[in-house]
N, C-alpha and C. Protein backbone atom coordinates (compact mmCIF):
# COMPACT_ATOMS: atom_id res chain seq x y z
N MET A 1 -28.53 40.75 -40.51
CA MET A 1 -28.89 40.40 -41.84
C MET A 1 -27.96 39.56 -42.53
N THR A 2 -28.26 38.52 -43.03
CA THR A 2 -27.27 37.67 -43.76
C THR A 2 -26.96 38.24 -45.13
N LEU A 3 -25.79 37.75 -45.76
CA LEU A 3 -25.48 38.15 -47.00
C LEU A 3 -26.65 37.94 -48.04
N LYS A 4 -27.14 36.77 -47.92
CA LYS A 4 -28.21 36.54 -48.99
C LYS A 4 -29.39 37.33 -48.90
N GLN A 5 -29.79 37.80 -47.62
CA GLN A 5 -30.88 38.76 -47.30
C GLN A 5 -30.51 40.13 -47.83
N ARG A 6 -29.25 40.48 -47.55
CA ARG A 6 -28.76 41.82 -48.18
C ARG A 6 -28.74 41.88 -49.57
N LEU A 7 -28.30 40.73 -50.29
CA LEU A 7 -28.43 40.70 -51.76
C LEU A 7 -29.85 40.90 -52.31
N LEU A 8 -30.69 40.14 -51.64
CA LEU A 8 -32.08 40.32 -51.87
C LEU A 8 -32.70 41.65 -51.89
N GLU A 9 -32.32 42.37 -50.75
CA GLU A 9 -32.80 43.70 -50.46
C GLU A 9 -32.24 44.60 -51.51
N ASP A 10 -30.91 44.51 -51.78
CA ASP A 10 -30.37 45.27 -52.73
C ASP A 10 -30.83 45.11 -54.20
N MET A 11 -31.17 43.95 -54.45
CA MET A 11 -31.78 43.56 -55.72
C MET A 11 -33.06 44.32 -55.94
N LYS A 12 -34.01 44.32 -54.77
CA LYS A 12 -35.19 45.01 -54.78
C LYS A 12 -34.95 46.52 -54.94
N SER A 13 -34.05 47.09 -54.32
CA SER A 13 -33.82 48.60 -54.32
C SER A 13 -33.32 48.85 -55.77
N SER A 14 -32.46 48.04 -56.43
CA SER A 14 -31.98 48.25 -57.62
C SER A 14 -33.09 48.09 -58.66
N MET A 15 -34.04 47.25 -58.54
CA MET A 15 -35.24 47.17 -59.42
C MET A 15 -36.03 48.51 -59.38
N LYS A 16 -36.26 48.87 -58.12
CA LYS A 16 -37.06 50.20 -57.93
C LYS A 16 -36.36 51.44 -58.53
N SER A 17 -35.05 51.46 -58.32
CA SER A 17 -34.34 52.63 -58.74
C SER A 17 -33.92 52.55 -60.25
N GLY A 18 -34.21 51.47 -60.88
CA GLY A 18 -33.97 51.29 -62.30
C GLY A 18 -32.40 51.17 -62.58
N ASP A 19 -31.59 50.76 -61.54
CA ASP A 19 -30.21 50.57 -61.80
C ASP A 19 -29.92 49.18 -62.36
N LYS A 20 -30.07 49.13 -63.73
CA LYS A 20 -30.10 47.80 -64.41
C LYS A 20 -28.65 47.19 -64.37
N PRO A 21 -27.60 47.81 -64.50
CA PRO A 21 -26.28 47.34 -64.40
C PRO A 21 -25.91 46.64 -63.07
N ARG A 22 -26.33 47.19 -62.12
CA ARG A 22 -26.06 46.76 -60.68
C ARG A 22 -26.99 45.57 -60.38
N LEU A 23 -28.37 45.61 -60.94
CA LEU A 23 -29.19 44.58 -60.75
C LEU A 23 -28.69 43.41 -61.45
N ALA A 24 -28.19 43.43 -62.72
CA ALA A 24 -27.50 42.38 -63.32
C ALA A 24 -26.46 41.57 -62.63
N VAL A 25 -25.67 42.40 -61.99
CA VAL A 25 -24.54 41.77 -61.24
C VAL A 25 -25.07 41.10 -60.03
N ILE A 26 -25.90 41.73 -59.32
CA ILE A 26 -26.57 41.00 -58.12
C ILE A 26 -27.28 39.74 -58.59
N ARG A 27 -27.97 39.84 -59.58
CA ARG A 27 -28.51 38.50 -60.20
C ARG A 27 -27.50 37.41 -60.40
N LEU A 28 -26.43 37.82 -60.95
CA LEU A 28 -25.35 36.90 -61.26
C LEU A 28 -24.89 36.27 -60.01
N VAL A 29 -24.70 37.00 -58.92
CA VAL A 29 -24.19 36.49 -57.69
C VAL A 29 -25.29 35.54 -57.17
N GLN A 30 -26.47 35.98 -57.17
CA GLN A 30 -27.53 35.14 -56.65
C GLN A 30 -27.58 33.79 -57.37
N ALA A 31 -27.46 33.96 -58.74
CA ALA A 31 -27.51 32.67 -59.52
C ALA A 31 -26.38 31.70 -59.18
N ALA A 32 -25.12 32.29 -58.89
CA ALA A 32 -24.04 31.44 -58.50
C ALA A 32 -24.15 30.78 -57.15
N ILE A 33 -24.82 31.57 -56.29
CA ILE A 33 -25.16 31.01 -54.95
C ILE A 33 -26.24 29.95 -55.05
N LYS A 34 -27.26 30.14 -55.73
CA LYS A 34 -28.22 29.18 -55.95
C LYS A 34 -27.78 27.84 -56.59
N GLN A 35 -26.91 28.06 -57.64
CA GLN A 35 -26.33 26.95 -58.34
C GLN A 35 -25.44 25.96 -57.35
N ARG A 36 -24.81 26.57 -56.50
CA ARG A 36 -23.99 25.85 -55.49
C ARG A 36 -24.93 25.20 -54.55
N GLU A 37 -26.01 25.89 -54.14
CA GLU A 37 -26.99 25.23 -53.17
C GLU A 37 -27.75 24.01 -53.75
N VAL A 38 -28.09 24.07 -55.13
CA VAL A 38 -28.71 23.04 -55.79
C VAL A 38 -27.73 21.91 -55.98
N ASP A 39 -26.55 22.30 -56.48
CA ASP A 39 -25.52 21.09 -56.83
C ASP A 39 -25.32 20.40 -55.51
N GLU A 40 -25.00 21.08 -54.40
CA GLU A 40 -24.66 20.35 -53.10
C GLU A 40 -25.78 19.98 -52.17
N ARG A 41 -26.94 20.41 -52.53
CA ARG A 41 -28.35 20.22 -51.75
C ARG A 41 -28.10 20.65 -50.36
N ILE A 42 -27.71 21.86 -50.17
CA ILE A 42 -27.53 22.48 -48.99
C ILE A 42 -27.96 24.01 -48.94
N GLU A 43 -28.08 24.57 -47.78
CA GLU A 43 -28.39 25.94 -47.71
C GLU A 43 -27.10 26.63 -47.35
N LEU A 44 -26.60 27.70 -48.06
CA LEU A 44 -25.23 28.21 -47.80
C LEU A 44 -25.34 29.23 -46.63
N ASP A 45 -24.41 29.22 -45.75
CA ASP A 45 -24.29 30.22 -44.73
C ASP A 45 -23.45 31.39 -45.35
N ASP A 46 -23.20 32.35 -44.55
CA ASP A 46 -22.49 33.52 -44.85
C ASP A 46 -21.00 33.07 -45.22
N THR A 47 -20.35 32.29 -44.61
CA THR A 47 -19.08 31.96 -44.90
C THR A 47 -19.03 31.30 -46.27
N GLN A 48 -19.89 30.37 -46.65
CA GLN A 48 -19.97 29.65 -47.85
C GLN A 48 -20.29 30.71 -49.04
N VAL A 49 -21.28 31.59 -48.81
CA VAL A 49 -21.63 32.68 -49.73
C VAL A 49 -20.32 33.53 -50.03
N LEU A 50 -19.52 33.80 -48.96
CA LEU A 50 -18.33 34.53 -49.22
C LEU A 50 -17.41 33.86 -50.14
N VAL A 51 -17.32 32.48 -49.99
CA VAL A 51 -16.44 31.66 -50.81
C VAL A 51 -16.88 31.71 -52.19
N VAL A 52 -18.11 31.66 -52.45
CA VAL A 52 -18.67 31.87 -53.86
C VAL A 52 -18.38 33.29 -54.40
N MET A 53 -18.55 34.19 -53.62
CA MET A 53 -18.26 35.59 -54.14
C MET A 53 -16.79 35.81 -54.29
N GLU A 54 -16.09 35.24 -53.46
CA GLU A 54 -14.62 35.32 -53.66
C GLU A 54 -14.13 34.69 -54.97
N LYS A 55 -14.67 33.50 -55.33
CA LYS A 55 -14.45 32.90 -56.60
C LYS A 55 -14.88 33.72 -57.86
N MET A 56 -15.97 34.44 -57.61
CA MET A 56 -16.41 35.31 -58.68
C MET A 56 -15.57 36.50 -58.88
N LEU A 57 -15.07 37.05 -57.70
CA LEU A 57 -14.10 38.22 -57.79
C LEU A 57 -12.82 37.63 -58.48
N LYS A 58 -12.28 36.55 -58.12
CA LYS A 58 -11.02 36.09 -58.81
C LYS A 58 -11.29 35.86 -60.25
N GLN A 59 -12.36 35.35 -60.75
CA GLN A 59 -12.69 35.15 -62.13
C GLN A 59 -12.58 36.46 -62.85
N ARG A 60 -13.29 37.47 -62.22
CA ARG A 60 -13.41 38.78 -62.86
C ARG A 60 -12.09 39.57 -62.94
N ARG A 61 -11.24 39.37 -61.97
CA ARG A 61 -9.92 39.96 -61.83
C ARG A 61 -8.97 39.31 -63.06
N ASP A 62 -9.12 37.89 -63.13
CA ASP A 62 -8.50 37.28 -64.32
C ASP A 62 -8.94 37.71 -65.53
N SER A 63 -10.29 37.91 -65.80
CA SER A 63 -10.83 38.28 -67.09
C SER A 63 -10.46 39.79 -67.24
N ALA A 64 -10.44 40.65 -66.34
CA ALA A 64 -10.10 42.10 -66.49
C ALA A 64 -8.61 42.13 -66.94
N ALA A 65 -7.77 41.25 -66.39
CA ALA A 65 -6.26 41.28 -66.95
C ALA A 65 -6.27 40.89 -68.31
N GLN A 66 -7.01 39.80 -68.57
CA GLN A 66 -6.98 39.22 -70.07
C GLN A 66 -7.49 40.39 -70.98
N TYR A 67 -8.60 41.05 -70.55
CA TYR A 67 -9.14 42.09 -71.57
C TYR A 67 -8.12 43.29 -71.66
N GLU A 68 -7.52 43.49 -70.58
CA GLU A 68 -6.48 44.76 -70.68
C GLU A 68 -5.32 44.34 -71.49
N ALA A 69 -4.86 43.09 -71.52
CA ALA A 69 -3.75 42.68 -72.37
C ALA A 69 -4.14 42.66 -73.79
N ALA A 70 -5.49 42.35 -74.00
CA ALA A 70 -6.03 42.28 -75.40
C ALA A 70 -6.47 43.71 -75.93
N GLY A 71 -6.35 44.72 -75.04
CA GLY A 71 -6.73 45.92 -75.47
C GLY A 71 -8.19 46.20 -75.53
N ARG A 72 -8.93 45.41 -74.71
CA ARG A 72 -10.42 45.53 -74.85
C ARG A 72 -10.96 46.34 -73.55
N GLN A 73 -10.81 47.68 -73.69
CA GLN A 73 -11.29 48.56 -72.64
C GLN A 73 -12.65 48.36 -72.16
N ASP A 74 -13.56 48.33 -73.21
CA ASP A 74 -14.99 48.12 -72.87
C ASP A 74 -15.23 46.98 -71.97
N LEU A 75 -14.82 45.75 -72.31
CA LEU A 75 -14.97 44.64 -71.54
C LEU A 75 -14.25 44.65 -70.17
N MET A 76 -13.09 45.30 -70.19
CA MET A 76 -12.27 45.49 -68.92
C MET A 76 -13.12 46.36 -67.98
N ASP A 77 -13.75 47.37 -68.48
CA ASP A 77 -14.57 48.34 -67.69
C ASP A 77 -15.74 47.46 -67.13
N GLN A 78 -16.47 46.70 -67.83
CA GLN A 78 -17.52 45.94 -67.43
C GLN A 78 -17.18 44.96 -66.28
N GLU A 79 -15.91 44.37 -66.38
CA GLU A 79 -15.34 43.39 -65.32
C GLU A 79 -15.15 44.16 -64.18
N ASN A 80 -14.49 45.41 -64.32
CA ASN A 80 -14.17 46.21 -63.12
C ASN A 80 -15.32 46.76 -62.45
N PHE A 81 -16.54 47.03 -63.13
CA PHE A 81 -17.72 47.37 -62.49
C PHE A 81 -18.28 46.19 -61.65
N GLU A 82 -18.28 45.02 -62.27
CA GLU A 82 -18.71 43.84 -61.50
C GLU A 82 -17.88 43.60 -60.38
N ILE A 83 -16.64 43.77 -60.28
CA ILE A 83 -15.73 43.58 -59.16
C ILE A 83 -16.08 44.68 -58.17
N GLY A 84 -16.41 45.92 -58.51
CA GLY A 84 -16.81 46.93 -57.54
C GLY A 84 -18.07 46.47 -56.92
N VAL A 85 -19.08 45.96 -57.66
CA VAL A 85 -20.41 45.62 -56.92
C VAL A 85 -20.18 44.47 -56.03
N ILE A 86 -19.51 43.45 -56.51
CA ILE A 86 -19.34 42.17 -55.69
C ILE A 86 -18.51 42.61 -54.51
N GLY A 87 -17.46 43.36 -54.65
CA GLY A 87 -16.59 43.89 -53.59
C GLY A 87 -17.33 44.57 -52.49
N ASP A 88 -18.39 45.26 -52.79
CA ASP A 88 -19.23 45.99 -51.70
C ASP A 88 -19.72 44.94 -50.70
N TYR A 89 -19.87 43.72 -51.03
CA TYR A 89 -20.50 42.66 -50.12
C TYR A 89 -19.41 41.97 -49.33
N MET A 90 -18.14 42.23 -49.73
CA MET A 90 -17.04 41.43 -49.01
C MET A 90 -16.72 42.20 -47.76
N PRO A 91 -16.16 41.40 -46.86
CA PRO A 91 -15.79 41.97 -45.48
C PRO A 91 -14.55 42.86 -45.74
N GLN A 92 -14.26 43.71 -44.81
CA GLN A 92 -13.13 44.74 -44.74
C GLN A 92 -11.90 43.77 -44.81
N PRO A 93 -10.94 44.18 -45.77
CA PRO A 93 -9.68 43.41 -45.90
C PRO A 93 -8.85 43.60 -44.61
N LEU A 94 -8.07 42.52 -44.37
CA LEU A 94 -7.19 42.62 -43.30
C LEU A 94 -5.88 43.54 -43.42
N SER A 95 -5.51 44.22 -42.53
CA SER A 95 -4.23 44.88 -42.60
C SER A 95 -3.05 43.95 -42.80
N GLU A 96 -1.99 44.53 -43.19
CA GLU A 96 -0.68 43.72 -43.31
C GLU A 96 -0.29 43.18 -41.85
N SER A 97 -0.38 44.05 -40.83
CA SER A 97 0.02 43.54 -39.58
C SER A 97 -0.98 42.50 -38.93
N GLU A 98 -2.34 42.59 -39.37
CA GLU A 98 -3.21 41.65 -38.89
C GLU A 98 -2.87 40.30 -39.59
N VAL A 99 -2.59 40.25 -40.88
CA VAL A 99 -2.26 39.06 -41.61
C VAL A 99 -1.04 38.38 -41.09
N ASP A 100 0.07 39.21 -40.75
CA ASP A 100 1.27 38.71 -40.20
C ASP A 100 0.99 38.09 -38.73
N GLN A 101 0.10 38.65 -37.96
CA GLN A 101 -0.14 38.09 -36.72
C GLN A 101 -0.92 36.71 -36.82
N ILE A 102 -2.06 36.73 -37.63
CA ILE A 102 -2.70 35.43 -37.95
C ILE A 102 -1.86 34.32 -38.41
N LEU A 103 -0.90 34.74 -39.44
CA LEU A 103 0.02 33.88 -39.99
C LEU A 103 0.96 33.25 -38.91
N SER A 104 1.49 34.11 -38.16
CA SER A 104 2.38 33.66 -36.94
C SER A 104 1.64 32.56 -35.99
N ASP A 105 0.38 33.00 -35.66
CA ASP A 105 -0.38 32.19 -34.90
C ASP A 105 -0.60 30.81 -35.41
N CYS A 106 -0.99 30.77 -36.78
CA CYS A 106 -1.31 29.54 -37.41
C CYS A 106 0.08 28.67 -37.53
N ILE A 107 1.14 29.22 -37.84
CA ILE A 107 2.42 28.41 -37.92
C ILE A 107 2.72 27.91 -36.56
N ALA A 108 2.50 28.68 -35.38
CA ALA A 108 2.90 28.09 -34.08
C ALA A 108 1.97 27.17 -33.67
N GLU A 109 0.53 27.33 -34.01
CA GLU A 109 -0.41 26.29 -33.64
C GLU A 109 -0.30 25.01 -34.43
N SER A 110 0.24 24.96 -35.64
CA SER A 110 0.35 23.80 -36.35
C SER A 110 1.79 23.09 -36.23
N GLY A 111 2.71 23.91 -35.46
CA GLY A 111 3.95 23.28 -35.22
C GLY A 111 4.84 23.15 -36.53
N ALA A 112 4.43 23.96 -37.50
CA ALA A 112 5.21 23.74 -38.68
C ALA A 112 6.58 24.45 -38.65
N THR A 113 7.47 23.69 -39.18
CA THR A 113 9.01 24.03 -39.21
C THR A 113 9.62 24.07 -40.54
N GLU A 114 8.96 23.41 -41.58
CA GLU A 114 9.58 23.46 -42.88
C GLU A 114 8.51 23.38 -44.06
N ALA A 115 8.93 23.59 -45.15
CA ALA A 115 8.03 23.86 -46.30
C ALA A 115 6.96 22.74 -46.53
N ARG A 116 7.33 21.60 -46.09
CA ARG A 116 6.39 20.57 -46.35
C ARG A 116 5.18 20.50 -45.37
N ASP A 117 5.27 21.40 -44.43
CA ASP A 117 4.20 21.56 -43.42
C ASP A 117 3.28 22.58 -43.85
N MET A 118 3.50 23.20 -45.04
CA MET A 118 2.66 24.24 -45.55
C MET A 118 1.11 23.84 -45.53
N GLY A 119 0.79 22.77 -45.86
CA GLY A 119 -0.65 22.31 -45.90
C GLY A 119 -1.34 22.57 -44.64
N LYS A 120 -0.58 22.15 -43.54
CA LYS A 120 -1.16 22.25 -42.19
C LYS A 120 -1.46 23.79 -41.84
N VAL A 121 -0.54 24.60 -42.23
CA VAL A 121 -0.70 26.08 -41.94
C VAL A 121 -1.87 26.55 -42.75
N MET A 122 -1.85 26.23 -44.02
CA MET A 122 -2.96 26.81 -44.89
C MET A 122 -4.35 26.35 -44.45
N ALA A 123 -4.48 25.00 -43.93
CA ALA A 123 -5.65 24.55 -43.41
C ALA A 123 -6.21 25.39 -42.33
N LEU A 124 -5.23 25.81 -41.39
CA LEU A 124 -5.57 26.66 -40.28
C LEU A 124 -5.97 28.08 -40.72
N LEU A 125 -5.24 28.51 -41.63
CA LEU A 125 -5.22 30.00 -42.10
C LEU A 125 -6.57 30.25 -42.92
N LYS A 126 -6.83 29.45 -43.82
CA LYS A 126 -7.98 29.68 -44.59
C LYS A 126 -9.32 30.08 -44.01
N PRO A 127 -9.85 29.35 -42.91
CA PRO A 127 -11.10 29.84 -42.38
C PRO A 127 -10.98 31.16 -41.53
N ARG A 128 -9.69 31.51 -41.23
CA ARG A 128 -9.57 32.66 -40.48
C ARG A 128 -9.50 33.93 -41.21
N VAL A 129 -9.21 33.76 -42.56
CA VAL A 129 -8.99 34.98 -43.31
C VAL A 129 -9.94 34.97 -44.57
N ALA A 130 -10.83 34.12 -44.53
CA ALA A 130 -11.80 33.85 -45.70
C ALA A 130 -12.46 35.16 -46.15
N GLY A 131 -12.24 35.49 -47.31
CA GLY A 131 -12.84 36.75 -47.98
C GLY A 131 -12.12 38.08 -47.57
N ARG A 132 -11.08 37.94 -46.66
CA ARG A 132 -10.47 39.20 -46.20
C ARG A 132 -9.01 39.32 -46.51
N ALA A 133 -8.46 38.23 -47.31
CA ALA A 133 -7.06 38.34 -47.76
C ALA A 133 -6.99 37.41 -48.94
N ASP A 134 -5.95 37.76 -49.76
CA ASP A 134 -5.72 36.98 -51.03
C ASP A 134 -4.91 35.84 -50.67
N MET A 135 -5.49 34.57 -50.85
CA MET A 135 -4.97 33.31 -50.38
C MET A 135 -3.55 32.98 -51.19
N GLN A 136 -3.58 33.48 -52.36
CA GLN A 136 -2.45 33.21 -53.27
C GLN A 136 -1.19 33.92 -52.68
N ALA A 137 -1.40 35.25 -52.24
CA ALA A 137 -0.40 35.92 -51.58
C ALA A 137 0.05 35.41 -50.28
N LEU A 138 -0.95 35.04 -49.41
CA LEU A 138 -0.67 34.31 -48.18
C LEU A 138 0.20 33.01 -48.42
N ALA A 139 -0.12 32.20 -49.35
CA ALA A 139 0.52 31.02 -49.62
C ALA A 139 2.08 31.29 -49.86
N GLY A 140 2.31 32.47 -50.56
CA GLY A 140 3.71 32.83 -50.77
C GLY A 140 4.43 33.30 -49.42
N LYS A 141 3.68 33.88 -48.67
CA LYS A 141 4.17 34.35 -47.21
C LYS A 141 4.51 33.15 -46.43
N VAL A 142 3.53 32.11 -46.53
CA VAL A 142 3.77 30.94 -45.71
C VAL A 142 5.06 30.20 -46.20
N LYS A 143 5.16 30.10 -47.43
CA LYS A 143 6.21 29.34 -48.12
C LYS A 143 7.63 30.15 -47.65
N ALA A 144 7.60 31.48 -47.73
CA ALA A 144 8.72 32.26 -47.39
C ALA A 144 9.19 31.99 -45.92
N ARG A 145 8.16 32.09 -45.05
CA ARG A 145 8.44 31.94 -43.57
C ARG A 145 9.01 30.49 -43.30
N LEU A 146 8.51 29.42 -44.05
CA LEU A 146 8.82 28.18 -43.63
C LEU A 146 10.16 27.78 -44.49
N GLY A 147 10.65 28.70 -45.23
CA GLY A 147 11.95 28.37 -45.93
C GLY A 147 11.79 27.57 -47.18
N GLY A 148 10.58 27.74 -47.90
CA GLY A 148 10.42 27.09 -49.11
C GLY A 148 10.74 27.72 -50.33
């Protein structure tokens, strides 16, 4: 079952059970996916759906941090709820050792030896860890390993 099919099934079950908050989040995700499909005139596969959902998660984490700083607990709770619902559809995150192994493989594969080769490493790394690791944190690790 694809992610889009799973979202559709979960939307139906949320409608039947009357879980309106969850239904609203699922509809937001579906709207973002549909928007991208219409904009680019393509049918998104699971990898591309994960990219859309990852972007939504990042936006919500940023918003939650902003609301926390502003002392808006009610809005922060809503963002955290949405993070939880969207997170249910994300693949299992990679362990630290798995990330280190993939990172070592990508550095070796790209032949990177210094910080200016970081783009080559990131280009190899991104498709391998999509949706399963924080790219910003990975960029920091790549930079540290390459002496940047």
